[in-house]
Amino acid sequence: MQPKRIEPFLSVDDYLEGELSSDVRHEYVDGEVYAMVGASDRHGLIAGNLHSALNLRLPDRCQVFMADMKVRIQAAEREIFYYPDVLVSCDPGDRERYYRERPCLVVEVLSPHTERLDRFEKFLFYRELDALEEYVLVAQDYRQLEVFRRAEQWQATRYTEGVVPLRSVDLSVTLDEIYRRTGR
């Protein structure tokens, strides 16, 4: 006898509809929604710097989003929507209006309130995305960027100075660019 599937508290359609009129962004995990916390100035600057660097240099087939585009993950009978700080999708078939399902690069800027979630739960589910090649965690209180690559079995490569190669999009950025105007 198979276990009875429990219906979610909130359907995906209701969640997506609600996000259109909500003043607060929410992430969605199996029918439950979680309000997003506000970001610090440094968090916003880092995400903006990365978005700018990627958006200006990537080919037109790639779309770069910051903060307001959701990633949809469907894995092991789970339905999840996260709002990464920066995401890149270069797949021309990945063009839903309010979310992406096949990003090649996802970036999260760490904060004391989100680091555990970004480092463990989100990382676990992001890895389920077949198209994802790199997951990047950026510290905001000190200069450190960690790149996790599918091709390297998701092992971290840490950068504290110099150039960071982003192989998923075939471009490099410097830590000076990423931390521009942050005092770090």
N, C-alpha and C. Protein backbone atom coordinates (compact mmCIF):
# COMPACT_ATOMS: atom_id res chain seq x y z
N MET A 1 0.84 -1.18 0.00
CA MET A 1 0.00 0.00 0.00
C MET A 1 0.88 1.24 0.00
N GLN A 2 0.60 2.15 -0.92
CA GLN A 2 1.39 3.37 -1.02
C GLN A 2 0.87 4.40 -0.03
N PRO A 3 1.79 5.23 0.52
CA PRO A 3 1.33 6.28 1.43
C PRO A 3 0.47 7.29 0.68
N LYS A 4 -0.49 7.83 1.38
CA LYS A 4 -1.38 8.83 0.79
C LYS A 4 -0.63 10.15 0.64
N ARG A 5 -0.70 10.71 -0.56
CA ARG A 5 -0.05 11.99 -0.81
C ARG A 5 -0.87 13.09 -0.16
N ILE A 6 -0.21 13.91 0.64
CA ILE A 6 -0.88 15.01 1.32
C ILE A 6 -0.93 16.20 0.38
N GLU A 7 -2.09 16.77 0.21
CA GLU A 7 -2.25 17.93 -0.65
C GLU A 7 -1.57 19.15 -0.01
N PRO A 8 -0.93 19.98 -0.82
CA PRO A 8 -0.25 21.16 -0.26
C PRO A 8 -1.25 22.16 0.31
N PHE A 9 -0.75 22.97 1.24
CA PHE A 9 -1.57 24.01 1.83
C PHE A 9 -1.97 25.05 0.77
N LEU A 10 -1.07 25.32 -0.14
CA LEU A 10 -1.29 26.31 -1.18
C LEU A 10 -0.83 25.72 -2.51
N SER A 11 -1.67 25.77 -3.51
CA SER A 11 -1.29 25.22 -4.81
C SER A 11 -0.25 26.13 -5.48
N VAL A 12 0.47 25.56 -6.43
CA VAL A 12 1.44 26.33 -7.20
C VAL A 12 0.76 27.49 -7.92
N ASP A 13 -0.39 27.23 -8.53
CA ASP A 13 -1.10 28.29 -9.25
C ASP A 13 -1.51 29.42 -8.30
N ASP A 14 -2.00 29.07 -7.11
CA ASP A 14 -2.39 30.10 -6.14
C ASP A 14 -1.17 30.88 -5.64
N TYR A 15 -0.06 30.18 -5.45
CA TYR A 15 1.18 30.85 -5.04
C TYR A 15 1.62 31.86 -6.10
N LEU A 16 1.69 31.40 -7.34
CA LEU A 16 2.14 32.29 -8.42
C LEU A 16 1.21 33.48 -8.58
N GLU A 17 -0.07 33.26 -8.47
CA GLU A 17 -1.04 34.35 -8.56
C GLU A 17 -0.85 35.33 -7.40
N GLY A 18 -0.67 34.81 -6.22
CA GLY A 18 -0.47 35.66 -5.04
C GLY A 18 0.78 36.51 -5.12
N GLU A 19 1.84 35.97 -5.71
CA GLU A 19 3.10 36.72 -5.83
C GLU A 19 2.95 37.94 -6.74
N LEU A 20 2.02 37.87 -7.66
CA LEU A 20 1.82 38.99 -8.58
C LEU A 20 1.32 40.25 -7.87
N SER A 21 0.59 40.07 -6.78
CA SER A 21 0.00 41.22 -6.09
C SER A 21 0.57 41.45 -4.70
N SER A 22 1.51 40.65 -4.29
CA SER A 22 2.07 40.76 -2.94
C SER A 22 3.15 41.84 -2.87
N ASP A 23 3.15 42.58 -1.77
CA ASP A 23 4.21 43.56 -1.53
C ASP A 23 5.47 42.88 -1.01
N VAL A 24 5.34 41.66 -0.53
CA VAL A 24 6.45 40.91 0.03
C VAL A 24 6.65 39.67 -0.83
N ARG A 25 7.89 39.38 -1.17
CA ARG A 25 8.20 38.16 -1.93
C ARG A 25 8.20 36.97 -0.97
N HIS A 26 7.77 35.82 -1.51
CA HIS A 26 7.72 34.59 -0.73
C HIS A 26 8.37 33.46 -1.51
N GLU A 27 9.09 32.61 -0.81
CA GLU A 27 9.55 31.38 -1.43
C GLU A 27 8.53 30.30 -1.10
N TYR A 28 8.48 29.28 -1.94
CA TYR A 28 7.44 28.25 -1.86
C TYR A 28 8.12 26.90 -1.76
N VAL A 29 7.75 26.12 -0.73
CA VAL A 29 8.28 24.78 -0.58
C VAL A 29 7.12 23.86 -0.24
N ASP A 30 6.76 23.03 -1.20
CA ASP A 30 5.70 22.03 -1.00
C ASP A 30 4.43 22.58 -0.38
N GLY A 31 3.93 23.67 -0.92
CA GLY A 31 2.65 24.20 -0.48
C GLY A 31 2.71 25.20 0.65
N GLU A 32 3.90 25.40 1.20
CA GLU A 32 4.05 26.39 2.27
C GLU A 32 4.87 27.56 1.74
N VAL A 33 4.52 28.77 2.18
CA VAL A 33 5.24 29.95 1.73
C VAL A 33 6.00 30.57 2.88
N TYR A 34 7.14 31.16 2.54
CA TYR A 34 8.02 31.77 3.53
C TYR A 34 8.39 33.17 3.04
N ALA A 35 8.08 34.17 3.84
CA ALA A 35 8.38 35.55 3.47
C ALA A 35 9.89 35.75 3.40
N MET A 36 10.31 36.54 2.43
CA MET A 36 11.72 36.85 2.27
C MET A 36 12.10 38.01 3.19
N VAL A 37 13.27 37.90 3.80
CA VAL A 37 13.75 38.97 4.68
C VAL A 37 14.38 40.07 3.84
N GLY A 38 14.42 41.27 4.38
CA GLY A 38 15.06 42.38 3.69
C GLY A 38 16.56 42.20 3.64
N ALA A 39 17.19 42.83 2.68
CA ALA A 39 18.62 42.70 2.48
C ALA A 39 19.35 43.95 2.94
N SER A 40 20.61 43.77 3.34
CA SER A 40 21.44 44.90 3.73
C SER A 40 21.94 45.65 2.49
N ASP A 41 22.50 46.82 2.73
CA ASP A 41 23.06 47.58 1.62
C ASP A 41 24.19 46.82 0.93
N ARG A 42 25.05 46.20 1.71
CA ARG A 42 26.17 45.46 1.14
C ARG A 42 25.66 44.28 0.30
N HIS A 43 24.65 43.61 0.79
CA HIS A 43 24.03 42.49 0.05
C HIS A 43 23.54 42.98 -1.32
N GLY A 44 22.83 44.09 -1.32
CA GLY A 44 22.31 44.65 -2.56
C GLY A 44 23.41 45.09 -3.52
N LEU A 45 24.47 45.68 -2.98
CA LEU A 45 25.58 46.12 -3.83
C LEU A 45 26.28 44.93 -4.48
N ILE A 46 26.52 43.89 -3.71
CA ILE A 46 27.21 42.71 -4.25
C ILE A 46 26.36 42.06 -5.34
N ALA A 47 25.08 41.85 -5.06
CA ALA A 47 24.20 41.24 -6.06
C ALA A 47 24.13 42.14 -7.30
N GLY A 48 24.02 43.45 -7.10
CA GLY A 48 23.97 44.38 -8.22
C GLY A 48 25.25 44.37 -9.04
N ASN A 49 26.38 44.31 -8.36
CA ASN A 49 27.66 44.27 -9.07
C ASN A 49 27.78 43.02 -9.93
N LEU A 50 27.38 41.89 -9.38
CA LEU A 50 27.44 40.64 -10.15
C LEU A 50 26.46 40.68 -11.32
N HIS A 51 25.26 41.16 -11.06
CA HIS A 51 24.27 41.27 -12.13
C HIS A 51 24.80 42.15 -13.26
N SER A 52 25.35 43.30 -12.91
CA SER A 52 25.88 44.22 -13.93
C SER A 52 26.99 43.58 -14.74
N ALA A 53 27.94 42.96 -14.06
CA ALA A 53 29.08 42.35 -14.75
C ALA A 53 28.60 41.26 -15.72
N LEU A 54 27.67 40.44 -15.28
CA LEU A 54 27.17 39.37 -16.14
C LEU A 54 26.30 39.91 -17.27
N ASN A 55 25.40 40.80 -16.94
CA ASN A 55 24.46 41.31 -17.93
C ASN A 55 25.16 42.05 -19.07
N LEU A 56 26.20 42.79 -18.75
CA LEU A 56 26.91 43.55 -19.77
C LEU A 56 27.77 42.69 -20.69
N ARG A 57 28.21 41.53 -20.19
CA ARG A 57 29.18 40.74 -20.95
C ARG A 57 28.62 39.48 -21.61
N LEU A 58 27.47 39.02 -21.18
CA LEU A 58 26.96 37.77 -21.73
C LEU A 58 26.24 38.01 -23.05
N PRO A 59 26.22 37.00 -23.91
CA PRO A 59 25.52 37.14 -25.20
C PRO A 59 24.01 37.30 -24.99
N ASP A 60 23.34 37.82 -25.99
CA ASP A 60 21.91 38.10 -25.90
C ASP A 60 21.07 36.86 -25.63
N ARG A 61 21.54 35.68 -25.98
CA ARG A 61 20.76 34.47 -25.72
C ARG A 61 20.65 34.17 -24.22
N CYS A 62 21.53 34.77 -23.43
CA CYS A 62 21.50 34.57 -21.98
C CYS A 62 20.71 35.69 -21.31
N GLN A 63 19.91 35.31 -20.34
CA GLN A 63 19.15 36.28 -19.56
C GLN A 63 19.68 36.26 -18.13
N VAL A 64 19.92 37.46 -17.59
CA VAL A 64 20.45 37.61 -16.23
C VAL A 64 19.40 38.32 -15.39
N PHE A 65 19.09 37.74 -14.24
CA PHE A 65 18.08 38.31 -13.35
C PHE A 65 18.66 38.52 -11.97
N MET A 66 18.13 39.53 -11.30
CA MET A 66 18.56 39.83 -9.95
C MET A 66 17.34 39.92 -9.04
N ALA A 67 17.25 39.03 -8.08
CA ALA A 67 16.32 39.08 -6.96
C ALA A 67 14.86 38.78 -7.26
N ASP A 68 14.31 39.19 -8.39
CA ASP A 68 12.87 39.06 -8.59
C ASP A 68 12.43 37.92 -9.51
N MET A 69 13.34 37.15 -10.02
CA MET A 69 12.95 36.00 -10.85
C MET A 69 13.11 34.73 -10.02
N LYS A 70 12.06 33.93 -10.03
CA LYS A 70 12.06 32.69 -9.27
C LYS A 70 12.72 31.56 -10.08
N VAL A 71 13.24 30.57 -9.34
CA VAL A 71 13.68 29.31 -9.92
C VAL A 71 12.70 28.25 -9.45
N ARG A 72 12.18 27.48 -10.40
CA ARG A 72 11.26 26.40 -10.06
C ARG A 72 12.01 25.09 -10.07
N ILE A 73 11.85 24.34 -8.99
CA ILE A 73 12.51 23.04 -8.86
C ILE A 73 11.44 22.00 -8.61
N GLN A 74 11.43 20.98 -9.45
CA GLN A 74 10.54 19.85 -9.27
C GLN A 74 11.41 18.62 -9.14
N ALA A 75 11.49 18.07 -7.92
CA ALA A 75 12.36 16.94 -7.68
C ALA A 75 11.78 16.07 -6.57
N ALA A 76 11.82 14.78 -6.80
CA ALA A 76 11.38 13.81 -5.79
C ALA A 76 10.02 14.18 -5.21
N GLU A 77 9.07 14.44 -6.10
CA GLU A 77 7.70 14.80 -5.72
C GLU A 77 7.63 16.08 -4.89
N ARG A 78 8.64 16.91 -5.01
CA ARG A 78 8.64 18.19 -4.30
C ARG A 78 8.50 19.30 -5.33
N GLU A 79 7.86 20.37 -4.90
CA GLU A 79 7.65 21.55 -5.74
C GLU A 79 8.17 22.74 -4.96
N ILE A 80 9.18 23.41 -5.54
CA ILE A 80 9.87 24.48 -4.81
C ILE A 80 10.08 25.67 -5.74
N PHE A 81 9.92 26.87 -5.19
CA PHE A 81 10.27 28.10 -5.89
C PHE A 81 11.15 28.91 -4.96
N TYR A 82 12.37 29.22 -5.42
CA TYR A 82 13.27 30.08 -4.68
C TYR A 82 13.51 31.35 -5.50
N TYR A 83 13.87 32.42 -4.80
CA TYR A 83 14.29 33.66 -5.44
C TYR A 83 15.81 33.80 -5.22
N PRO A 84 16.64 33.34 -6.14
CA PRO A 84 18.08 33.54 -5.95
C PRO A 84 18.44 35.01 -6.12
N ASP A 85 19.59 35.39 -5.58
CA ASP A 85 20.02 36.78 -5.71
C ASP A 85 20.35 37.13 -7.16
N VAL A 86 21.00 36.21 -7.86
CA VAL A 86 21.29 36.38 -9.28
C VAL A 86 21.13 35.02 -9.94
N LEU A 87 20.55 35.01 -11.13
CA LEU A 87 20.48 33.77 -11.89
C LEU A 87 20.68 34.07 -13.36
N VAL A 88 21.25 33.08 -14.05
CA VAL A 88 21.47 33.19 -15.48
C VAL A 88 20.86 31.96 -16.16
N SER A 89 20.07 32.22 -17.19
CA SER A 89 19.53 31.15 -18.02
C SER A 89 19.87 31.47 -19.47
N CYS A 90 20.56 30.54 -20.12
CA CYS A 90 20.94 30.71 -21.52
C CYS A 90 20.17 29.76 -22.43
N ASP A 91 19.22 29.06 -21.88
CA ASP A 91 18.41 28.11 -22.63
C ASP A 91 17.22 28.84 -23.25
N PRO A 92 17.13 28.93 -24.58
CA PRO A 92 16.03 29.67 -25.21
C PRO A 92 14.66 29.06 -24.94
N GLY A 93 14.61 27.81 -24.49
CA GLY A 93 13.34 27.18 -24.15
C GLY A 93 12.92 27.43 -22.72
N ASP A 94 13.74 28.12 -21.96
CA ASP A 94 13.47 28.39 -20.54
C ASP A 94 13.00 29.84 -20.40
N ARG A 95 11.76 30.09 -20.78
CA ARG A 95 11.28 31.47 -20.82
C ARG A 95 9.88 31.64 -20.23
N GLU A 96 9.57 30.91 -19.16
CA GLU A 96 8.31 31.17 -18.47
C GLU A 96 8.34 32.62 -17.98
N ARG A 97 7.20 33.22 -17.88
CA ARG A 97 7.14 34.65 -17.55
C ARG A 97 7.62 34.99 -16.14
N TYR A 98 7.33 34.11 -15.16
CA TYR A 98 7.62 34.45 -13.77
C TYR A 98 8.64 33.54 -13.09
N TYR A 99 9.20 32.60 -13.83
CA TYR A 99 10.22 31.74 -13.25
C TYR A 99 11.06 31.09 -14.33
N ARG A 100 12.19 30.55 -13.91
CA ARG A 100 13.06 29.78 -14.80
C ARG A 100 13.22 28.39 -14.19
N GLU A 101 13.37 27.39 -15.07
CA GLU A 101 13.55 26.02 -14.61
C GLU A 101 14.90 25.43 -15.00
N ARG A 102 15.63 26.12 -15.90
CA ARG A 102 16.90 25.59 -16.37
C ARG A 102 18.03 26.62 -16.33
N PRO A 103 18.24 27.23 -15.18
CA PRO A 103 19.38 28.16 -15.12
C PRO A 103 20.69 27.39 -15.17
N CYS A 104 21.71 28.03 -15.73
CA CYS A 104 23.04 27.40 -15.74
C CYS A 104 23.88 27.90 -14.57
N LEU A 105 23.51 29.06 -14.02
CA LEU A 105 24.26 29.68 -12.92
C LEU A 105 23.28 30.29 -11.93
N VAL A 106 23.50 29.99 -10.64
CA VAL A 106 22.70 30.58 -9.56
C VAL A 106 23.67 31.13 -8.53
N VAL A 107 23.41 32.36 -8.08
CA VAL A 107 24.25 33.03 -7.08
C VAL A 107 23.40 33.41 -5.88
N GLU A 108 23.90 33.12 -4.69
CA GLU A 108 23.28 33.57 -3.45
C GLU A 108 24.32 34.36 -2.67
N VAL A 109 23.92 35.55 -2.20
CA VAL A 109 24.77 36.37 -1.34
C VAL A 109 24.39 36.01 0.09
N LEU A 110 25.38 35.59 0.86
CA LEU A 110 25.12 35.08 2.21
C LEU A 110 24.87 36.21 3.20
N SER A 111 23.96 35.95 4.11
CA SER A 111 23.73 36.85 5.25
C SER A 111 23.62 35.96 6.48
N PRO A 112 23.77 36.53 7.67
CA PRO A 112 23.64 35.71 8.88
C PRO A 112 22.30 34.98 8.96
N HIS A 113 21.26 35.58 8.41
CA HIS A 113 19.92 34.99 8.49
C HIS A 113 19.67 33.92 7.44
N THR A 114 20.40 33.96 6.32
CA THR A 114 20.12 33.03 5.22
C THR A 114 21.24 32.04 4.94
N GLU A 115 22.40 32.20 5.56
CA GLU A 115 23.54 31.37 5.19
C GLU A 115 23.27 29.88 5.33
N ARG A 116 22.68 29.47 6.43
CA ARG A 116 22.41 28.04 6.63
C ARG A 116 21.47 27.51 5.54
N LEU A 117 20.42 28.24 5.23
CA LEU A 117 19.47 27.84 4.20
C LEU A 117 20.15 27.79 2.83
N ASP A 118 20.92 28.82 2.49
CA ASP A 118 21.61 28.88 1.20
C ASP A 118 22.64 27.77 1.05
N ARG A 119 23.37 27.51 2.12
CA ARG A 119 24.47 26.56 2.10
C ARG A 119 24.01 25.10 2.09
N PHE A 120 22.88 24.83 2.70
CA PHE A 120 22.46 23.44 2.83
C PHE A 120 21.16 23.14 2.06
N GLU A 121 20.02 23.64 2.51
CA GLU A 121 18.75 23.27 1.88
C GLU A 121 18.69 23.70 0.42
N LYS A 122 18.95 24.97 0.16
CA LYS A 122 18.86 25.44 -1.23
C LYS A 122 19.88 24.73 -2.11
N PHE A 123 21.10 24.56 -1.63
CA PHE A 123 22.13 23.89 -2.41
C PHE A 123 21.70 22.46 -2.76
N LEU A 124 21.11 21.78 -1.81
CA LEU A 124 20.63 20.42 -2.04
C LEU A 124 19.62 20.38 -3.18
N PHE A 125 18.67 21.32 -3.16
CA PHE A 125 17.63 21.32 -4.20
C PHE A 125 18.11 21.92 -5.52
N TYR A 126 18.92 22.96 -5.48
CA TYR A 126 19.44 23.52 -6.74
C TYR A 126 20.18 22.45 -7.54
N ARG A 127 20.91 21.58 -6.86
CA ARG A 127 21.68 20.53 -7.56
C ARG A 127 20.78 19.58 -8.35
N GLU A 128 19.49 19.56 -8.05
CA GLU A 128 18.55 18.72 -8.78
C GLU A 128 18.24 19.27 -10.16
N LEU A 129 18.59 20.51 -10.42
CA LEU A 129 18.34 21.13 -11.72
C LEU A 129 19.38 20.63 -12.72
N ASP A 130 18.93 19.89 -13.70
CA ASP A 130 19.85 19.28 -14.68
C ASP A 130 20.73 20.28 -15.40
N ALA A 131 20.21 21.47 -15.67
CA ALA A 131 20.96 22.47 -16.43
C ALA A 131 21.96 23.25 -15.57
N LEU A 132 21.80 23.20 -14.26
CA LEU A 132 22.68 24.00 -13.40
C LEU A 132 24.11 23.47 -13.44
N GLU A 133 25.04 24.34 -13.80
CA GLU A 133 26.45 23.98 -13.87
C GLU A 133 27.24 24.53 -12.70
N GLU A 134 26.82 25.72 -12.19
CA GLU A 134 27.55 26.34 -11.08
C GLU A 134 26.58 26.97 -10.08
N TYR A 135 26.95 26.83 -8.80
CA TYR A 135 26.24 27.47 -7.71
C TYR A 135 27.27 28.29 -6.96
N VAL A 136 27.02 29.58 -6.78
CA VAL A 136 28.00 30.49 -6.20
C VAL A 136 27.45 31.08 -4.91
N LEU A 137 28.27 31.03 -3.86
CA LEU A 137 27.94 31.66 -2.58
C LEU A 137 28.93 32.79 -2.35
N VAL A 138 28.41 33.98 -2.08
CA VAL A 138 29.25 35.15 -1.89
C VAL A 138 29.07 35.67 -0.46
N ALA A 139 30.15 35.75 0.29
CA ALA A 139 30.09 36.32 1.64
C ALA A 139 29.95 37.82 1.53
N GLN A 140 29.17 38.42 2.40
CA GLN A 140 29.04 39.88 2.33
C GLN A 140 29.85 40.58 3.42
N ASP A 141 30.25 39.86 4.47
CA ASP A 141 30.98 40.50 5.56
C ASP A 141 32.49 40.38 5.44
N TYR A 142 32.95 39.62 4.46
CA TYR A 142 34.38 39.50 4.16
C TYR A 142 34.50 39.04 2.71
N ARG A 143 35.71 39.18 2.16
CA ARG A 143 35.92 38.85 0.74
C ARG A 143 36.13 37.35 0.57
N GLN A 144 35.06 36.69 0.21
CA GLN A 144 35.17 35.27 -0.12
C GLN A 144 34.00 34.86 -1.00
N LEU A 145 34.34 34.17 -2.05
CA LEU A 145 33.35 33.65 -2.97
C LEU A 145 33.63 32.17 -3.14
N GLU A 146 32.58 31.35 -3.04
CA GLU A 146 32.73 29.90 -3.22
C GLU A 146 31.95 29.50 -4.46
N VAL A 147 32.62 28.77 -5.35
CA VAL A 147 31.98 28.28 -6.55
C VAL A 147 31.91 26.76 -6.46
N PHE A 148 30.69 26.24 -6.60
CA PHE A 148 30.44 24.81 -6.61
C PHE A 148 30.08 24.45 -8.05
N ARG A 149 30.83 23.50 -8.62
CA ARG A 149 30.63 23.14 -10.02
C ARG A 149 30.20 21.68 -10.16
N ARG A 150 29.18 21.48 -10.98
CA ARG A 150 28.72 20.11 -11.26
C ARG A 150 29.89 19.26 -11.78
N ALA A 151 30.69 19.83 -12.69
CA ALA A 151 31.81 19.10 -13.30
C ALA A 151 32.86 18.68 -12.27
N GLU A 152 32.83 19.30 -11.09
CA GLU A 152 33.78 18.96 -10.02
C GLU A 152 33.05 18.30 -8.85
N GLN A 153 31.95 17.61 -9.15
CA GLN A 153 31.14 16.90 -8.15
C GLN A 153 30.70 17.82 -7.01
N TRP A 154 30.45 19.07 -7.35
CA TRP A 154 29.93 20.08 -6.41
C TRP A 154 30.88 20.37 -5.24
N GLN A 155 32.17 20.16 -5.47
CA GLN A 155 33.16 20.53 -4.46
C GLN A 155 33.43 22.03 -4.57
N ALA A 156 33.63 22.67 -3.44
CA ALA A 156 33.83 24.12 -3.41
C ALA A 156 35.24 24.51 -3.84
N THR A 157 35.30 25.59 -4.63
CA THR A 157 36.55 26.28 -4.91
C THR A 157 36.38 27.67 -4.33
N ARG A 158 37.27 28.06 -3.41
CA ARG A 158 37.16 29.36 -2.73
C ARG A 158 38.09 30.37 -3.36
N TYR A 159 37.58 31.59 -3.45
CA TYR A 159 38.36 32.70 -3.99
C TYR A 159 38.30 33.84 -2.98
N THR A 160 39.46 34.39 -2.64
CA THR A 160 39.51 35.55 -1.74
C THR A 160 40.20 36.74 -2.39
N GLU A 161 40.80 36.54 -3.53
CA GLU A 161 41.46 37.61 -4.31
C GLU A 161 41.46 37.20 -5.77
N GLY A 162 41.69 38.20 -6.61
CA GLY A 162 41.92 37.92 -8.02
C GLY A 162 40.69 37.68 -8.84
N VAL A 163 40.85 36.74 -9.79
CA VAL A 163 39.85 36.49 -10.82
C VAL A 163 39.08 35.21 -10.50
N VAL A 164 37.76 35.26 -10.74
CA VAL A 164 36.89 34.10 -10.52
C VAL A 164 36.36 33.65 -11.89
N PRO A 165 36.77 32.46 -12.34
CA PRO A 165 36.23 31.96 -13.60
C PRO A 165 34.84 31.37 -13.38
N LEU A 166 33.89 31.84 -14.18
CA LEU A 166 32.54 31.29 -14.17
C LEU A 166 32.39 30.48 -15.46
N ARG A 167 32.68 29.21 -15.37
CA ARG A 167 32.74 28.35 -16.56
C ARG A 167 31.37 28.14 -17.19
N SER A 168 30.32 28.19 -16.40
CA SER A 168 28.98 27.97 -16.93
C SER A 168 28.59 29.00 -17.97
N VAL A 169 29.18 30.18 -17.87
CA VAL A 169 28.87 31.27 -18.82
C VAL A 169 30.10 31.74 -19.57
N ASP A 170 31.21 31.02 -19.39
CA ASP A 170 32.45 31.28 -20.11
C ASP A 170 32.92 32.73 -19.96
N LEU A 171 32.98 33.16 -18.69
CA LEU A 171 33.49 34.49 -18.42
C LEU A 171 34.07 34.55 -17.02
N SER A 172 34.91 35.53 -16.78
CA SER A 172 35.53 35.70 -15.48
C SER A 172 35.20 37.08 -14.92
N VAL A 173 35.10 37.15 -13.61
CA VAL A 173 34.91 38.42 -12.91
C VAL A 173 35.96 38.50 -11.81
N THR A 174 36.31 39.71 -11.41
CA THR A 174 37.28 39.86 -10.33
C THR A 174 36.55 40.09 -9.02
N LEU A 175 37.21 39.75 -7.93
CA LEU A 175 36.62 40.05 -6.63
C LEU A 175 36.49 41.55 -6.43
N ASP A 176 37.39 42.33 -7.03
CA ASP A 176 37.26 43.79 -6.95
C ASP A 176 35.95 44.26 -7.58
N GLU A 177 35.56 43.66 -8.70
CA GLU A 177 34.27 44.01 -9.32
C GLU A 177 33.10 43.63 -8.42
N ILE A 178 33.16 42.44 -7.88
CA ILE A 178 32.07 41.92 -7.06
C ILE A 178 31.88 42.75 -5.80
N TYR A 179 32.99 43.16 -5.16
CA TYR A 179 32.91 43.88 -3.90
C TYR A 179 33.04 45.41 -4.07
N ARG A 180 32.89 45.88 -5.30
CA ARG A 180 32.99 47.31 -5.57
C ARG A 180 32.01 48.10 -4.69
N ARG A 181 32.51 49.15 -4.08
CA ARG A 181 31.74 50.09 -3.23
C ARG A 181 31.17 49.47 -1.95
N THR A 182 31.69 48.31 -1.55
CA THR A 182 31.16 47.69 -0.34
C THR A 182 32.07 47.88 0.87
N GLY A 183 33.27 48.40 0.66
CA GLY A 183 34.21 48.53 1.76
C GLY A 183 34.93 47.23 2.08
N ARG A 184 34.79 46.25 1.22
CA ARG A 184 35.45 44.95 1.44
C ARG A 184 36.50 44.69 0.39
